[in-house]
Amino acid sequence: MAGIEKLRKHLKIGRWVVFGGSWCSTLALAYTQIHSDRISSLILCGISLCRDHDLTRLYQEGASCLLPNLGEYFLVPITAVVWSDLV
């Protein structure tokens, strides 16, 4: 958060639009909680809170549920040891 705030001050921006996608949506939300008075708008896409459940769904179970054939193809080179924890 300090880096984002340092950039805002360096650019002499009073309030700005914060955009975050995927993992950066989490950073944008965290920044907004701390510095809400400096945000004019917040744009989020591909929101991820990076909870254990979210990571498991995305990396362990997501592809296998949506596209089982492609999921299996993707996992062919992965060893059994790594398979239990793809993250």
PDB file of N, CA and C in Angstrom:
ATOM      1  N   MET A   1       0.814  -1.192   0.000  1.00  0.00           N
ATOM      2  CA  MET A   1       0.000   0.000   0.000  1.00  0.00           C
ATOM      3  C   MET A   1       0.858   1.256   0.000  1.00  0.00           C
ATOM      4  N   ALA A   2       1.972   1.206   0.682  1.00  0.00           N
ATOM      5  CA  ALA A   2       2.837   2.388   0.774  1.00  0.00           C
ATOM      6  C   ALA A   2       3.342   2.810  -0.602  1.00  0.00           C
ATOM      7  N   GLY A   3       3.646   1.838  -1.460  1.00  0.00           N
ATOM      8  CA  GLY A   3       4.138   2.151  -2.798  1.00  0.00           C
ATOM      9  C   GLY A   3       3.088   2.841  -3.646  1.00  0.00           C
ATOM     10  N   ILE A   4       1.858   2.387  -3.549  1.00  0.00           N
ATOM     11  CA  ILE A   4       0.763   2.996  -4.311  1.00  0.00           C
ATOM     12  C   ILE A   4       0.534   4.427  -3.830  1.00  0.00           C
ATOM     13  N   GLU A   5       0.551   4.606  -2.528  1.00  0.00           N
ATOM     14  CA  GLU A   5       0.336   5.929  -1.956  1.00  0.00           C
ATOM     15  C   GLU A   5       1.503   6.866  -2.300  1.00  0.00           C
ATOM     16  N   LYS A   6       2.701   6.356  -2.303  1.00  0.00           N
ATOM     17  CA  LYS A   6       3.872   7.153  -2.671  1.00  0.00           C
ATOM     18  C   LYS A   6       3.754   7.619  -4.124  1.00  0.00           C
ATOM     19  N   LEU A   7       3.292   6.728  -5.006  1.00  0.00           N
ATOM     20  CA  LEU A   7       3.096   7.079  -6.413  1.00  0.00           C
ATOM     21  C   LEU A   7       2.039   8.172  -6.558  1.00  0.00           C
ATOM     22  N   ARG A   8       0.930   8.041  -5.844  1.00  0.00           N
ATOM     23  CA  ARG A   8      -0.139   9.048  -5.909  1.00  0.00           C
ATOM     24  C   ARG A   8       0.387  10.416  -5.500  1.00  0.00           C
ATOM     25  N   LYS A   9       1.138  10.451  -4.403  1.00  0.00           N
ATOM     26  CA  LYS A   9       1.692  11.722  -3.924  1.00  0.00           C
ATOM     27  C   LYS A   9       2.715  12.286  -4.916  1.00  0.00           C
ATOM     28  N   HIS A  10       3.562  11.442  -5.448  1.00  0.00           N
ATOM     29  CA  HIS A  10       4.577  11.882  -6.410  1.00  0.00           C
ATOM     30  C   HIS A  10       3.935  12.508  -7.644  1.00  0.00           C
ATOM     31  N   LEU A  11       2.834  11.924  -8.091  1.00  0.00           N
ATOM     32  CA  LEU A  11       2.131  12.439  -9.265  1.00  0.00           C
ATOM     33  C   LEU A  11       1.205  13.605  -8.934  1.00  0.00           C
ATOM     34  N   LYS A  12       1.122  13.962  -7.652  1.00  0.00           N
ATOM     35  CA  LYS A  12       0.296  15.071  -7.175  1.00  0.00           C
ATOM     36  C   LYS A  12      -1.170  14.895  -7.556  1.00  0.00           C
ATOM     37  N   ILE A  13      -1.661  13.691  -7.309  1.00  0.00           N
ATOM     38  CA  ILE A  13      -3.056  13.359  -7.583  1.00  0.00           C
ATOM     39  C   ILE A  13      -3.813  13.362  -6.262  1.00  0.00           C
ATOM     40  N   GLY A  14      -4.887  14.147  -6.207  1.00  0.00           N
ATOM     41  CA  GLY A  14      -5.686  14.208  -4.979  1.00  0.00           C
ATOM     42  C   GLY A  14      -6.543  12.963  -4.801  1.00  0.00           C
ATOM     43  N   ARG A  15      -7.390  12.707  -5.775  1.00  0.00           N
ATOM     44  CA  ARG A  15      -8.252  11.512  -5.770  1.00  0.00           C
ATOM     45  C   ARG A  15      -8.104  10.854  -7.127  1.00  0.00           C
ATOM     46  N   TRP A  16      -8.169   9.540  -7.142  1.00  0.00           N
ATOM     47  CA  TRP A  16      -7.982   8.851  -8.407  1.00  0.00           C
ATOM     48  C   TRP A  16      -8.843   7.609  -8.514  1.00  0.00           C
ATOM     49  N   VAL A  17      -8.917   7.101  -9.743  1.00  0.00           N
ATOM     50  CA  VAL A  17      -9.629   5.866 -10.027  1.00  0.00           C
ATOM     51  C   VAL A  17      -8.652   4.719  -9.787  1.00  0.00           C
ATOM     52  N   VAL A  18      -9.065   3.760  -8.984  1.00  0.00           N
ATOM     53  CA  VAL A  18      -8.229   2.591  -8.720  1.00  0.00           C
ATOM     54  C   VAL A  18      -8.819   1.401  -9.479  1.00  0.00           C
ATOM     55  N   PHE A  19      -7.987   0.750 -10.275  1.00  0.00           N
ATOM     56  CA  PHE A  19      -8.394  -0.413 -11.062  1.00  0.00           C
ATOM     57  C   PHE A  19      -7.588  -1.615 -10.599  1.00  0.00           C
ATOM     58  N   GLY A  20      -8.258  -2.745 -10.411  1.00  0.00           N
ATOM     59  CA  GLY A  20      -7.554  -3.967 -10.055  1.00  0.00           C
ATOM     60  C   GLY A  20      -8.199  -5.164 -10.707  1.00  0.00           C
ATOM     61  N   GLY A  21      -7.362  -6.019 -11.279  1.00  0.00           N
ATOM     62  CA  GLY A  21      -7.835  -7.252 -11.890  1.00  0.00           C
ATOM     63  C   GLY A  21      -7.126  -8.443 -11.289  1.00  0.00           C
ATOM     64  N   SER A  22      -7.862  -9.525 -11.089  1.00  0.00           N
ATOM     65  CA  SER A  22      -7.323 -10.765 -10.535  1.00  0.00           C
ATOM     66  C   SER A  22      -6.713 -10.499  -9.166  1.00  0.00           C
ATOM     67  N   TRP A  23      -5.444 -10.873  -8.978  1.00  0.00           N
ATOM     68  CA  TRP A  23      -4.805 -10.667  -7.669  1.00  0.00           C
ATOM     69  C   TRP A  23      -4.794  -9.181  -7.300  1.00  0.00           C
ATOM     70  N   CYS A  24      -4.643  -8.312  -8.267  1.00  0.00           N
ATOM     71  CA  CYS A  24      -4.611  -6.871  -7.975  1.00  0.00           C
ATOM     72  C   CYS A  24      -5.963  -6.343  -7.509  1.00  0.00           C
ATOM     73  N   SER A  25      -7.045  -7.097  -7.741  1.00  0.00           N
ATOM     74  CA  SER A  25      -8.332  -6.679  -7.182  1.00  0.00           C
ATOM     75  C   SER A  25      -8.267  -6.728  -5.662  1.00  0.00           C
ATOM     76  N   THR A  26      -7.544  -7.698  -5.122  1.00  0.00           N
ATOM     77  CA  THR A  26      -7.360  -7.788  -3.673  1.00  0.00           C
ATOM     78  C   THR A  26      -6.559  -6.589  -3.172  1.00  0.00           C
ATOM     79  N   LEU A  27      -5.506  -6.236  -3.889  1.00  0.00           N
ATOM     80  CA  LEU A  27      -4.703  -5.074  -3.508  1.00  0.00           C
ATOM     81  C   LEU A  27      -5.520  -3.787  -3.597  1.00  0.00           C
ATOM     82  N   ALA A  28      -6.327  -3.662  -4.650  1.00  0.00           N
ATOM     83  CA  ALA A  28      -7.159  -2.468  -4.807  1.00  0.00           C
ATOM     84  C   ALA A  28      -8.160  -2.345  -3.659  1.00  0.00           C
ATOM     85  N   LEU A  29      -8.760  -3.472  -3.267  1.00  0.00           N
ATOM     86  CA  LEU A  29      -9.696  -3.449  -2.136  1.00  0.00           C
ATOM     87  C   LEU A  29      -8.990  -3.064  -0.841  1.00  0.00           C
ATOM     88  N   ALA A  30      -7.817  -3.605  -0.618  1.00  0.00           N
ATOM     89  CA  ALA A  30      -7.059  -3.289   0.600  1.00  0.00           C
ATOM     90  C   ALA A  30      -6.669  -1.807   0.619  1.00  0.00           C
ATOM     91  N   TYR A  31      -6.197  -1.297  -0.509  1.00  0.00           N
ATOM     92  CA  TYR A  31      -5.831   0.121  -0.605  1.00  0.00           C
ATOM     93  C   TYR A  31      -7.045   0.995  -0.329  1.00  0.00           C
ATOM     94  N   THR A  32      -8.184   0.620  -0.894  1.00  0.00           N
ATOM     95  CA  THR A  32      -9.408   1.401  -0.729  1.00  0.00           C
ATOM     96  C   THR A  32      -9.862   1.426   0.730  1.00  0.00           C
ATOM     97  N   GLN A  33      -9.692   0.322   1.434  1.00  0.00           N
ATOM     98  CA  GLN A  33     -10.075   0.293   2.849  1.00  0.00           C
ATOM     99  C   GLN A  33      -9.234   1.268   3.670  1.00  0.00           C
ATOM    100  N   ILE A  34      -7.973   1.377   3.336  1.00  0.00           N
ATOM    101  CA  ILE A  34      -7.072   2.249   4.090  1.00  0.00           C
ATOM    102  C   ILE A  34      -7.190   3.706   3.650  1.00  0.00           C
ATOM    103  N   HIS A  35      -7.361   3.942   2.358  1.00  0.00           N
ATOM    104  CA  HIS A  35      -7.317   5.295   1.798  1.00  0.00           C
ATOM    105  C   HIS A  35      -8.600   5.646   1.048  1.00  0.00           C
ATOM    106  N   SER A  36      -9.740   5.356   1.604  1.00  0.00           N
ATOM    107  CA  SER A  36     -11.016   5.577   0.909  1.00  0.00           C
ATOM    108  C   SER A  36     -11.232   7.042   0.528  1.00  0.00           C
ATOM    109  N   ASP A  37     -10.664   7.960   1.278  1.00  0.00           N
ATOM    110  CA  ASP A  37     -10.827   9.383   0.982  1.00  0.00           C
ATOM    111  C   ASP A  37     -10.050   9.816  -0.258  1.00  0.00           C
ATOM    112  N   ARG A  38      -9.190   8.951  -0.777  1.00  0.00           N
ATOM    113  CA  ARG A  38      -8.377   9.294  -1.946  1.00  0.00           C
ATOM    114  C   ARG A  38      -8.858   8.603  -3.222  1.00  0.00           C
ATOM    115  N   ILE A  39     -10.001   7.914  -3.133  1.00  0.00           N
ATOM    116  CA  ILE A  39     -10.539   7.144  -4.254  1.00  0.00           C
ATOM    117  C   ILE A  39     -11.764   7.857  -4.819  1.00  0.00           C
ATOM    118  N   SER A  40     -11.755   8.121  -6.126  1.00  0.00           N
ATOM    119  CA  SER A  40     -12.959   8.681  -6.752  1.00  0.00           C
ATOM    120  C   SER A  40     -13.834   7.567  -7.317  1.00  0.00           C
ATOM    121  N   SER A  41     -13.194   6.486  -7.793  1.00  0.00           N
ATOM    122  CA  SER A  41     -13.916   5.320  -8.307  1.00  0.00           C
ATOM    123  C   SER A  41     -13.049   4.085  -8.110  1.00  0.00           C
ATOM    124  N   LEU A  42     -13.711   2.957  -8.063  1.00  0.00           N
ATOM    125  CA  LEU A  42     -13.019   1.679  -7.911  1.00  0.00           C
ATOM    126  C   LEU A  42     -13.542   0.728  -8.978  1.00  0.00           C
ATOM    127  N   ILE A  43     -12.638   0.191  -9.786  1.00  0.00           N
ATOM    128  CA  ILE A  43     -13.011  -0.745 -10.849  1.00  0.00           C
ATOM    129  C   ILE A  43     -12.316  -2.072 -10.559  1.00  0.00           C
ATOM    130  N   LEU A  44     -13.097  -3.124 -10.431  1.00  0.00           N
ATOM    131  CA  LEU A  44     -12.559  -4.452 -10.140  1.00  0.00           C
ATOM    132  C   LEU A  44     -13.015  -5.443 -11.197  1.00  0.00           C
ATOM    133  N   CYS A  45     -12.128  -6.337 -11.594  1.00  0.00           N
ATOM    134  CA  CYS A  45     -12.497  -7.412 -12.506  1.00  0.00           C
ATOM    135  C   CYS A  45     -11.727  -8.669 -12.110  1.00  0.00           C
ATOM    136  N   GLY A  46     -12.297  -9.818 -12.403  1.00  0.00           N
ATOM    137  CA  GLY A  46     -11.636 -11.069 -12.042  1.00  0.00           C
ATOM    138  C   GLY A  46     -11.320 -11.118 -10.565  1.00  0.00           C
ATOM    139  N   ILE A  47     -12.280 -10.752  -9.739  1.00  0.00           N
ATOM    140  CA  ILE A  47     -12.050 -10.585  -8.302  1.00  0.00           C
ATOM    141  C   ILE A  47     -11.616 -11.891  -7.651  1.00  0.00           C
ATOM    142  N   SER A  48     -10.572 -11.792  -6.879  1.00  0.00           N
ATOM    143  CA  SER A  48     -10.080 -12.931  -6.110  1.00  0.00           C
ATOM    144  C   SER A  48      -9.685 -12.453  -4.726  1.00  0.00           C
ATOM    145  N   LEU A  49     -10.249 -13.073  -3.708  1.00  0.00           N
ATOM    146  CA  LEU A  49      -9.874 -12.728  -2.341  1.00  0.00           C
ATOM    147  C   LEU A  49      -8.704 -13.573  -1.852  1.00  0.00           C
ATOM    148  N   CYS A  50      -8.302 -14.537  -2.684  1.00  0.00           N
ATOM    149  CA  CYS A  50      -7.144 -15.391  -2.399  1.00  0.00           C
ATOM    150  C   CYS A  50      -7.285 -16.166  -1.092  1.00  0.00           C
ATOM    151  N   ARG A  51      -8.525 -16.527  -0.761  1.00  0.00           N
ATOM    152  CA  ARG A  51      -8.737 -17.411   0.379  1.00  0.00           C
ATOM    153  C   ARG A  51      -8.359 -18.820  -0.048  1.00  0.00           C
ATOM    154  N   ASP A  52      -8.131 -19.693   0.898  1.00  0.00           N
ATOM    155  CA  ASP A  52      -7.791 -21.087   0.571  1.00  0.00           C
ATOM    156  C   ASP A  52      -8.823 -21.693  -0.368  1.00  0.00           C
ATOM    157  N   HIS A  53     -10.103 -21.432  -0.090  1.00  0.00           N
ATOM    158  CA  HIS A  53     -11.191 -21.963  -0.930  1.00  0.00           C
ATOM    159  C   HIS A  53     -11.063 -21.449  -2.366  1.00  0.00           C
ATOM    160  N   ASP A  54     -10.773 -20.161  -2.524  1.00  0.00           N
ATOM    161  CA  ASP A  54     -10.646 -19.564  -3.858  1.00  0.00           C
ATOM    162  C   ASP A  54      -9.491 -20.182  -4.632  1.00  0.00           C
ATOM    163  N   LEU A  55      -8.344 -20.332  -3.969  1.00  0.00           N
ATOM    164  CA  LEU A  55      -7.168 -20.898  -4.631  1.00  0.00           C
ATOM    165  C   LEU A  55      -7.387 -22.360  -4.996  1.00  0.00           C
ATOM    166  N   THR A  56      -8.027 -23.104  -4.112  1.00  0.00           N
ATOM    167  CA  THR A  56      -8.322 -24.510  -4.404  1.00  0.00           C
ATOM    168  C   THR A  56      -9.245 -24.610  -5.604  1.00  0.00           C
ATOM    169  N   ARG A  57     -10.277 -23.788  -5.624  1.00  0.00           N
ATOM    170  CA  ARG A  57     -11.237 -23.807  -6.733  1.00  0.00           C
ATOM    171  C   ARG A  57     -10.561 -23.422  -8.048  1.00  0.00           C
ATOM    172  N   LEU A  58      -9.718 -22.427  -8.001  1.00  0.00           N
ATOM    173  CA  LEU A  58      -9.078 -21.946  -9.215  1.00  0.00           C
ATOM    174  C   LEU A  58      -8.025 -22.914  -9.737  1.00  0.00           C
ATOM    175  N   TYR A  59      -7.158 -23.406  -8.855  1.00  0.00           N
ATOM    176  CA  TYR A  59      -6.012 -24.187  -9.309  1.00  0.00           C
ATOM    177  C   TYR A  59      -6.164 -25.701  -9.162  1.00  0.00           C
ATOM    178  N   GLN A  60      -6.995 -26.154  -8.249  1.00  0.00           N
ATOM    179  CA  GLN A  60      -7.135 -27.593  -8.033  1.00  0.00           C
ATOM    180  C   GLN A  60      -8.371 -28.174  -8.714  1.00  0.00           C
ATOM    181  N   GLU A  61      -9.478 -27.445  -8.674  1.00  0.00           N
ATOM    182  CA  GLU A  61     -10.743 -28.026  -9.112  1.00  0.00           C
ATOM    183  C   GLU A  61     -11.417 -27.293 -10.265  1.00  0.00           C
ATOM    184  N   GLY A  62     -10.995 -26.088 -10.551  1.00  0.00           N
ATOM    185  CA  GLY A  62     -11.679 -25.264 -11.555  1.00  0.00           C
ATOM    186  C   GLY A  62     -11.714 -25.865 -12.939  1.00  0.00           C
ATOM    187  N   ALA A  63     -10.553 -26.131 -13.516  1.00  0.00           N
ATOM    188  CA  ALA A  63     -10.490 -26.665 -14.881  1.00  0.00           C
ATOM    189  C   ALA A  63     -11.113 -28.047 -14.965  1.00  0.00           C
ATOM    190  N   SER A  64     -10.902 -28.850 -13.946  1.00  0.00           N
ATOM    191  CA  SER A  64     -11.434 -30.212 -13.988  1.00  0.00           C
ATOM    192  C   SER A  64     -12.959 -30.230 -13.940  1.00  0.00           C
ATOM    193  N   CYS A  65     -13.569 -29.225 -13.341  1.00  0.00           N
ATOM    194  CA  CYS A  65     -15.030 -29.147 -13.294  1.00  0.00           C
ATOM    195  C   CYS A  65     -15.602 -28.580 -14.590  1.00  0.00           C
ATOM    196  N   LEU A  66     -14.962 -27.552 -15.119  1.00  0.00           N
ATOM    197  CA  LEU A  66     -15.491 -26.874 -16.295  1.00  0.00           C
ATOM    198  C   LEU A  66     -15.149 -27.572 -17.605  1.00  0.00           C
ATOM    199  N   LEU A  67     -13.903 -28.015 -17.733  1.00  0.00           N
ATOM    200  CA  LEU A  67     -13.431 -28.646 -18.963  1.00  0.00           C
ATOM    201  C   LEU A  67     -12.621 -29.896 -18.612  1.00  0.00           C
ATOM    202  N   PRO A  68     -13.291 -30.980 -18.223  1.00  0.00           N
ATOM    203  CA  PRO A  68     -12.574 -32.158 -17.735  1.00  0.00           C
ATOM    204  C   PRO A  68     -11.527 -32.705 -18.704  1.00  0.00           C
ATOM    205  N   ASN A  69     -11.812 -32.744 -19.987  1.00  0.00           N
ATOM    206  CA  ASN A  69     -10.842 -33.281 -20.949  1.00  0.00           C
ATOM    207  C   ASN A  69      -9.594 -32.414 -21.038  1.00  0.00           C
ATOM    208  N   LEU A  70      -9.785 -31.088 -21.080  1.00  0.00           N
ATOM    209  CA  LEU A  70      -8.647 -30.184 -21.148  1.00  0.00           C
ATOM    210  C   LEU A  70      -7.888 -30.171 -19.832  1.00  0.00           C
ATOM    211  N   GLY A  71      -8.597 -30.289 -18.735  1.00  0.00           N
ATOM    212  CA  GLY A  71      -7.946 -30.330 -17.430  1.00  0.00           C
ATOM    213  C   GLY A  71      -7.012 -31.514 -17.318  1.00  0.00           C
ATOM    214  N   GLU A  72      -7.448 -32.661 -17.783  1.00  0.00           N
ATOM    215  CA  GLU A  72      -6.606 -33.864 -17.753  1.00  0.00           C
ATOM    216  C   GLU A  72      -5.377 -33.689 -18.648  1.00  0.00           C
ATOM    217  N   TYR A  73      -5.567 -33.091 -19.816  1.00  0.00           N
ATOM    218  CA  TYR A  73      -4.456 -32.862 -20.740  1.00  0.00           C
ATOM    219  C   TYR A  73      -3.398 -31.952 -20.097  1.00  0.00           C
ATOM    220  N   PHE A  74      -3.861 -30.916 -19.421  1.00  0.00           N
ATOM    221  CA  PHE A  74      -2.973 -29.974 -18.758  1.00  0.00           C
ATOM    222  C   PHE A  74      -2.160 -30.653 -17.652  1.00  0.00           C
ATOM    223  N   LEU A  75      -2.763 -31.613 -16.967  1.00  0.00           N
ATOM    224  CA  LEU A  75      -2.125 -32.232 -15.804  1.00  0.00           C
ATOM    225  C   LEU A  75      -1.225 -33.419 -16.136  1.00  0.00           C
ATOM    226  N   VAL A  76      -1.199 -33.866 -17.372  1.00  0.00           N
ATOM    227  CA  VAL A  76      -0.400 -35.037 -17.758  1.00  0.00           C
ATOM    228  C   VAL A  76       1.054 -34.940 -17.292  1.00  0.00           C
ATOM    229  N   PRO A  77       1.758 -33.825 -17.510  1.00  0.00           N
ATOM    230  CA  PRO A  77       3.166 -33.780 -17.123  1.00  0.00           C
ATOM    231  C   PRO A  77       3.419 -33.560 -15.624  1.00  0.00           C
ATOM    232  N   ILE A  78       2.365 -33.352 -14.852  1.00  0.00           N
ATOM    233  CA  ILE A  78       2.544 -33.048 -13.435  1.00  0.00           C
ATOM    234  C   ILE A  78       2.618 -34.344 -12.627  1.00  0.00           C
ATOM    235  N   THR A  79       3.617 -34.432 -11.782  1.00  0.00           N
ATOM    236  CA  THR A  79       3.817 -35.646 -10.983  1.00  0.00           C
ATOM    237  C   THR A  79       2.761 -35.776  -9.902  1.00  0.00           C
ATOM    238  N   ALA A  80       2.589 -36.969  -9.379  1.00  0.00           N
ATOM    239  CA  ALA A  80       1.600 -37.236  -8.347  1.00  0.00           C
ATOM    240  C   ALA A  80       1.886 -36.445  -7.071  1.00  0.00           C
ATOM    241  N   VAL A  81       3.158 -36.221  -6.792  1.00  0.00           N
ATOM    242  CA  VAL A  81       3.514 -35.466  -5.587  1.00  0.00           C
ATOM    243  C   VAL A  81       3.022 -34.025  -5.679  1.00  0.00           C
ATOM    244  N   VAL A  82       3.204 -33.409  -6.827  1.00  0.00           N
ATOM    245  CA  VAL A  82       2.788 -32.029  -7.029  1.00  0.00           C
ATOM    246  C   VAL A  82       1.264 -31.943  -7.186  1.00  0.00           C
ATOM    247  N   TRP A  83       0.647 -32.962  -7.756  1.00  0.00           N
ATOM    248  CA  TRP A  83      -0.794 -32.965  -8.039  1.00  0.00           C
ATOM    249  C   TRP A  83      -1.625 -32.648  -6.792  1.00  0.00           C
ATOM    250  N   SER A  84      -1.187 -33.112  -5.640  1.00  0.00           N
ATOM    251  CA  SER A  84      -1.984 -32.903  -4.424  1.00  0.00           C
ATOM    252  C   SER A  84      -2.019 -31.432  -4.001  1.00  0.00           C
ATOM    253  N   ASP A  85      -1.085 -30.631  -4.493  1.00  0.00           N
ATOM    254  CA  ASP A  85      -1.056 -29.217  -4.131  1.00  0.00           C
ATOM    255  C   ASP A  85      -0.488 -28.395  -5.288  1.00  0.00           C
ATOM    256  N   LEU A  86      -1.304 -28.116  -6.285  1.00  0.00           N
ATOM    257  CA  LEU A  86      -0.843 -27.404  -7.481  1.00  0.00           C
ATOM    258  C   LEU A  86      -0.417 -25.969  -7.191  1.00  0.00           C
ATOM    259  N   VAL A  87      -0.989 -25.369  -6.181  1.00  0.00           N
ATOM    260  CA  VAL A  87      -0.628 -23.972  -5.865  1.00  0.00           C
ATOM    261  C   VAL A  87       0.809 -23.948  -5.385  1.00  0.00           C
TER     262      VAL A  87
END
